[in-house]
PDB file of all heavy atoms in Angstrom:
ATOM      1  N   TYR A   1     -10.789 -12.450   8.803  1.00  0.00           N
ATOM      2  CA  TYR A   1      -9.433 -12.377   8.477  1.00  0.00           C
ATOM      3  C   TYR A   1      -9.166 -11.074   7.820  1.00  0.00           C
ATOM      4  O   TYR A   1      -9.667 -10.843   6.693  1.00  0.00           O
ATOM      5  CB  TYR A   1      -8.998 -13.610   7.595  1.00  0.00           C
ATOM      6  CG  TYR A   1      -7.494 -13.611   7.308  1.00  0.00           C
ATOM      7  CD1 TYR A   1      -6.482 -13.838   8.235  1.00  0.00           C
ATOM      8  CD2 TYR A   1      -7.096 -13.324   5.936  1.00  0.00           C
ATOM      9  CE1 TYR A   1      -5.269 -13.812   7.941  1.00  0.00           C
ATOM     10  CE2 TYR A   1      -5.720 -13.440   5.643  1.00  0.00           C
ATOM     11  CZ  TYR A   1      -4.752 -13.658   6.581  1.00  0.00           C
ATOM     12  OH  TYR A   1      -3.399 -13.657   6.270  1.00  0.00           O
ATOM     13  N   ASN A   2      -8.384 -10.204   8.435  1.00  0.00           N
ATOM     14  CA  ASN A   2      -8.273  -8.885   7.950  1.00  0.00           C
ATOM     15  C   ASN A   2      -6.861  -8.327   7.752  1.00  0.00           C
ATOM     16  O   ASN A   2      -6.687  -7.116   7.658  1.00  0.00           O
ATOM     17  CB  ASN A   2      -8.990  -7.927   8.925  1.00  0.00           C
ATOM     18  CG  ASN A   2     -10.482  -8.127   8.991  1.00  0.00           C
ATOM     19  OD1 ASN A   2     -11.141  -7.866   8.053  1.00  0.00           O
ATOM     20  ND2 ASN A   2     -10.994  -8.560  10.090  1.00  0.00           N
ATOM     21  N   ILE A   3      -5.955  -9.219   7.504  1.00  0.00           N
ATOM     22  CA  ILE A   3      -4.630  -8.814   7.067  1.00  0.00           C
ATOM     23  C   ILE A   3      -4.283  -9.607   5.718  1.00  0.00           C
ATOM     24  O   ILE A   3      -4.848 -10.645   5.502  1.00  0.00           O
ATOM     25  CB  ILE A   3      -3.500  -8.976   8.075  1.00  0.00           C
ATOM     26  CG1 ILE A   3      -3.221 -10.472   8.312  1.00  0.00           C
ATOM     27  CG2 ILE A   3      -3.922  -8.312   9.438  1.00  0.00           C
ATOM     28  CD1 ILE A   3      -2.021 -10.796   9.215  1.00  0.00           C
ATOM     29  N   GLU A   4      -3.328  -9.115   5.004  1.00  0.00           N
ATOM     30  CA  GLU A   4      -2.865  -9.781   3.898  1.00  0.00           C
ATOM     31  C   GLU A   4      -1.405  -9.947   3.955  1.00  0.00           C
ATOM     32  O   GLU A   4      -0.682  -8.999   3.971  1.00  0.00           O
ATOM     33  CB  GLU A   4      -3.222  -9.074   2.524  1.00  0.00           C
ATOM     34  CG  GLU A   4      -2.945  -9.724   1.340  1.00  0.00           C
ATOM     35  CD  GLU A   4      -3.383  -9.120   0.057  1.00  0.00           C
ATOM     36  OE1 GLU A   4      -3.749  -7.927   0.040  1.00  0.00           O
ATOM     37  OE2 GLU A   4      -3.517  -9.858  -0.978  1.00  0.00           O
ATOM     38  N   VAL A   5      -0.981 -11.242   3.829  1.00  0.00           N
ATOM     39  CA  VAL A   5       0.440 -11.573   3.833  1.00  0.00           C
ATOM     40  C   VAL A   5       0.826 -12.015   2.438  1.00  0.00           C
ATOM     41  O   VAL A   5       0.244 -12.958   1.873  1.00  0.00           O
ATOM     42  CB  VAL A   5       0.832 -12.682   4.891  1.00  0.00           C
ATOM     43  CG1 VAL A   5       2.177 -13.120   4.782  1.00  0.00           C
ATOM     44  CG2 VAL A   5       0.389 -12.167   6.277  1.00  0.00           C
ATOM     45  N   THR A   6       1.769 -11.338   1.831  1.00  0.00           N
ATOM     46  CA  THR A   6       2.147 -11.674   0.465  1.00  0.00           C
ATOM     47  C   THR A   6       3.444 -12.445   0.408  1.00  0.00           C
ATOM     48  O   THR A   6       3.600 -13.228  -0.566  1.00  0.00           O
ATOM     49  CB  THR A   6       2.292 -10.365  -0.424  1.00  0.00           C
ATOM     50  OG1 THR A   6       3.331  -9.628   0.274  1.00  0.00           O
ATOM     51  CG2 THR A   6       1.010  -9.668  -0.478  1.00  0.00           C
ATOM     52  N   GLN A   7       4.364 -12.370   1.365  1.00  0.00           N
ATOM     53  CA  GLN A   7       5.592 -12.931   1.272  1.00  0.00           C
ATOM     54  C   GLN A   7       5.731 -14.339   1.757  1.00  0.00           C
ATOM     55  O   GLN A   7       6.751 -14.973   1.624  1.00  0.00           O
ATOM     56  CB  GLN A   7       6.691 -12.067   1.967  1.00  0.00           C
ATOM     57  CG  GLN A   7       6.497 -12.003   3.499  1.00  0.00           C
ATOM     58  CD  GLN A   7       5.586 -10.849   3.989  1.00  0.00           C
ATOM     59  OE1 GLN A   7       4.488 -10.728   3.514  1.00  0.00           O
ATOM     60  NE2 GLN A   7       6.140 -10.062   4.871  1.00  0.00           N
ATOM     61  N   GLY A   8       4.587 -14.915   2.281  1.00  0.00           N
ATOM     62  CA  GLY A   8       4.715 -16.267   2.838  1.00  0.00           C
ATOM     63  C   GLY A   8       5.597 -16.308   4.097  1.00  0.00           C
ATOM     64  O   GLY A   8       5.651 -15.303   4.818  1.00  0.00           O
ATOM     65  N   THR A   9       6.334 -17.408   4.412  1.00  0.00           N
ATOM     66  CA  THR A   9       7.196 -17.463   5.519  1.00  0.00           C
ATOM     67  C   THR A   9       8.368 -18.355   5.151  1.00  0.00           C
ATOM     68  O   THR A   9       8.235 -19.359   4.409  1.00  0.00           O
ATOM     69  CB  THR A   9       6.395 -18.139   6.668  1.00  0.00           C
ATOM     70  OG1 THR A   9       7.314 -18.162   7.794  1.00  0.00           O
ATOM     71  CG2 THR A   9       5.826 -19.480   6.341  1.00  0.00           C
ATOM     72  N   ASP A  10       9.531 -17.953   5.693  1.00  0.00           N
ATOM     73  CA  ASP A  10      10.745 -18.650   5.429  1.00  0.00           C
ATOM     74  C   ASP A  10      11.206 -19.511   6.468  1.00  0.00           C
ATOM     75  O   ASP A  10      12.402 -19.868   6.579  1.00  0.00           O
ATOM     76  CB  ASP A  10      11.859 -17.646   4.859  1.00  0.00           C
ATOM     77  CG  ASP A  10      12.246 -16.598   5.972  1.00  0.00           C
ATOM     78  OD1 ASP A  10      11.738 -16.752   7.211  1.00  0.00           O
ATOM     79  OD2 ASP A  10      12.795 -15.624   5.633  1.00  0.00           O
ATOM     80  N   VAL A  11      10.332 -19.965   7.407  1.00  0.00           N
ATOM     81  CA  VAL A  11      10.689 -20.900   8.447  1.00  0.00           C
ATOM     82  C   VAL A  11       9.800 -22.179   8.241  1.00  0.00           C
ATOM     83  O   VAL A  11       8.851 -22.193   7.553  1.00  0.00           O
ATOM     84  CB  VAL A  11      10.460 -20.383   9.819  1.00  0.00           C
ATOM     85  CG1 VAL A  11      11.434 -19.074   9.986  1.00  0.00           C
ATOM     86  CG2 VAL A  11       9.055 -19.968  10.061  1.00  0.00           C
ATOM     87  N   GLY A  12      10.331 -23.288   8.771  1.00  0.00           N
ATOM     88  CA  GLY A  12       9.575 -24.520   8.970  1.00  0.00           C
ATOM     89  C   GLY A  12      10.043 -25.558   7.907  1.00  0.00           C
ATOM     90  O   GLY A  12       9.411 -26.637   7.751  1.00  0.00           O
ATOM     91  N   GLY A  13      11.187 -25.265   7.269  1.00  0.00           N
ATOM     92  CA  GLY A  13      11.771 -26.335   6.552  1.00  0.00           C
ATOM     93  C   GLY A  13      11.242 -26.593   5.132  1.00  0.00           C
ATOM     94  O   GLY A  13      11.464 -27.572   4.453  1.00  0.00           O
ATOM     95  N   SER A  14      10.414 -25.630   4.680  1.00  0.00           N
ATOM     96  CA  SER A  14       9.824 -25.770   3.344  1.00  0.00           C
ATOM     97  C   SER A  14      10.804 -25.342   2.211  1.00  0.00           C
ATOM     98  O   SER A  14      11.832 -24.721   2.466  1.00  0.00           O
ATOM     99  CB  SER A  14       8.529 -24.954   3.231  1.00  0.00           C
ATOM    100  OG  SER A  14       7.619 -25.424   4.105  1.00  0.00           O
ATOM    101  N   SER A  15      10.463 -25.719   1.086  1.00  0.00           N
ATOM    102  CA  SER A  15      11.373 -25.447  -0.141  1.00  0.00           C
ATOM    103  C   SER A  15      11.402 -23.975  -0.418  1.00  0.00           C
ATOM    104  O   SER A  15      12.441 -23.535  -0.977  1.00  0.00           O
ATOM    105  CB  SER A  15      10.802 -26.179  -1.413  1.00  0.00           C
ATOM    106  OG  SER A  15      10.660 -27.529  -1.094  1.00  0.00           O
ATOM    107  N   SER A  16      10.399 -23.175  -0.153  1.00  0.00           N
ATOM    108  CA  SER A  16      10.500 -21.768  -0.436  1.00  0.00           C
ATOM    109  C   SER A  16       9.367 -21.133   0.439  1.00  0.00           C
ATOM    110  O   SER A  16       8.494 -21.739   1.039  1.00  0.00           O
ATOM    111  CB  SER A  16      10.085 -21.480  -1.933  1.00  0.00           C
ATOM    112  OG  SER A  16       8.827 -22.006  -2.254  1.00  0.00           O
ATOM    113  N   ALA A  17       9.397 -19.723   0.424  1.00  0.00           N
ATOM    114  CA  ALA A  17       8.392 -18.984   1.293  1.00  0.00           C
ATOM    115  C   ALA A  17       7.014 -19.264   0.621  1.00  0.00           C
ATOM    116  O   ALA A  17       6.005 -19.394   1.382  1.00  0.00           O
ATOM    117  CB  ALA A  17       8.692 -17.539   1.310  1.00  0.00           C
ATOM    118  N   GLY A  18       6.903 -19.269  -0.722  1.00  0.00           N
ATOM    119  CA  GLY A  18       5.681 -19.657  -1.339  1.00  0.00           C
ATOM    120  C   GLY A  18       5.112 -20.958  -1.038  1.00  0.00           C
ATOM    121  O   GLY A  18       3.885 -21.099  -0.865  1.00  0.00           O
ATOM    122  N   SER A  19       6.022 -21.918  -1.051  1.00  0.00           N
ATOM    123  CA  SER A  19       5.471 -23.282  -0.732  1.00  0.00           C
ATOM    124  C   SER A  19       5.068 -23.477   0.720  1.00  0.00           C
ATOM    125  O   SER A  19       4.045 -24.119   1.122  1.00  0.00           O
ATOM    126  CB  SER A  19       6.495 -24.303  -1.015  1.00  0.00           C
ATOM    127  OG  SER A  19       7.644 -24.335  -0.195  1.00  0.00           O
ATOM    128  N   ALA A  20       5.773 -22.781   1.623  1.00  0.00           N
ATOM    129  CA  ALA A  20       5.378 -22.792   3.000  1.00  0.00           C
ATOM    130  C   ALA A  20       3.947 -22.124   3.243  1.00  0.00           C
ATOM    131  O   ALA A  20       3.103 -22.538   4.033  1.00  0.00           O
ATOM    132  CB  ALA A  20       6.389 -22.021   3.866  1.00  0.00           C
ATOM    133  N   HIS A  21       3.703 -21.008   2.457  1.00  0.00           N
ATOM    134  CA  HIS A  21       2.431 -20.352   2.519  1.00  0.00           C
ATOM    135  C   HIS A  21       1.360 -21.331   1.988  1.00  0.00           C
ATOM    136  O   HIS A  21       0.262 -21.391   2.726  1.00  0.00           O
ATOM    137  CB  HIS A  21       2.445 -19.082   1.582  1.00  0.00           C
ATOM    138  CG  HIS A  21       1.570 -18.015   1.988  1.00  0.00           C
ATOM    139  ND1 HIS A  21       1.626 -16.777   1.590  1.00  0.00           N
ATOM    140  CD2 HIS A  21       0.395 -18.067   2.925  1.00  0.00           C
ATOM    141  CE1 HIS A  21       0.630 -16.069   2.105  1.00  0.00           C
ATOM    142  NE2 HIS A  21      -0.103 -16.863   2.847  1.00  0.00           N
ATOM    143  N   LEU A  22       1.575 -21.932   0.990  1.00  0.00           N
ATOM    144  CA  LEU A  22       0.568 -22.967   0.489  1.00  0.00           C
ATOM    145  C   LEU A  22       0.329 -24.095   1.507  1.00  0.00           C
ATOM    146  O   LEU A  22      -0.765 -24.500   1.778  1.00  0.00           O
ATOM    147  CB  LEU A  22       0.942 -23.561  -0.891  1.00  0.00           C
ATOM    148  CG  LEU A  22       0.074 -24.616  -1.440  1.00  0.00           C
ATOM    149  CD1 LEU A  22      -1.353 -24.123  -1.736  1.00  0.00           C
ATOM    150  CD2 LEU A  22       0.699 -25.150  -2.690  1.00  0.00           C
ATOM    151  N   GLU A  23       1.383 -24.537   2.128  1.00  0.00           N
ATOM    152  CA  GLU A  23       1.252 -25.697   3.151  1.00  0.00           C
ATOM    153  C   GLU A  23       0.401 -25.133   4.298  1.00  0.00           C
ATOM    154  O   GLU A  23      -0.425 -25.838   4.873  1.00  0.00           O
ATOM    155  CB  GLU A  23       2.661 -26.112   3.639  1.00  0.00           C
ATOM    156  CG  GLU A  23       3.438 -26.867   2.592  1.00  0.00           C
ATOM    157  CD  GLU A  23       4.890 -26.960   2.759  1.00  0.00           C
ATOM    158  OE1 GLU A  23       5.260 -26.450   3.879  1.00  0.00           O
ATOM    159  OE2 GLU A  23       5.663 -27.471   1.991  1.00  0.00           O
ATOM    160  N   HIS A  24       0.683 -23.867   4.803  1.00  0.00           N
ATOM    161  CA  HIS A  24      -0.155 -23.342   5.853  1.00  0.00           C
ATOM    162  C   HIS A  24      -1.543 -23.214   5.463  1.00  0.00           C
ATOM    163  O   HIS A  24      -2.467 -23.544   6.223  1.00  0.00           O
ATOM    164  CB  HIS A  24       0.388 -21.931   6.195  1.00  0.00           C
ATOM    165  CG  HIS A  24      -0.600 -20.983   6.645  1.00  0.00           C
ATOM    166  ND1 HIS A  24      -1.075 -21.000   7.991  1.00  0.00           N
ATOM    167  CD2 HIS A  24      -1.381 -19.967   6.144  1.00  0.00           C
ATOM    168  CE1 HIS A  24      -1.990 -20.096   8.224  1.00  0.00           C
ATOM    169  NE2 HIS A  24      -2.160 -19.424   7.089  1.00  0.00           N
ATOM    170  N   GLN A  25      -1.829 -22.680   4.256  1.00  0.00           N
ATOM    171  CA  GLN A  25      -3.233 -22.516   3.856  1.00  0.00           C
ATOM    172  C   GLN A  25      -3.974 -23.917   3.758  1.00  0.00           C
ATOM    173  O   GLN A  25      -5.159 -23.992   4.201  1.00  0.00           O
ATOM    174  CB  GLN A  25      -3.268 -21.841   2.488  1.00  0.00           C
ATOM    175  CG  GLN A  25      -2.904 -20.422   2.578  1.00  0.00           C
ATOM    176  CD  GLN A  25      -2.356 -19.817   1.341  1.00  0.00           C
ATOM    177  OE1 GLN A  25      -1.930 -20.500   0.410  1.00  0.00           O
ATOM    178  NE2 GLN A  25      -2.309 -18.493   1.208  1.00  0.00           N
TER     179      GLN A  25
END
C-alpha cells in the first residue's frame, strides 16, 4: 500500500469523513 489518504471519504452515509475512514479500515 503506497498512497496516504488523510481526508477520509464523505460518501457512504457515515457521520463524518473520519468515521467513514475508520469504518473502511
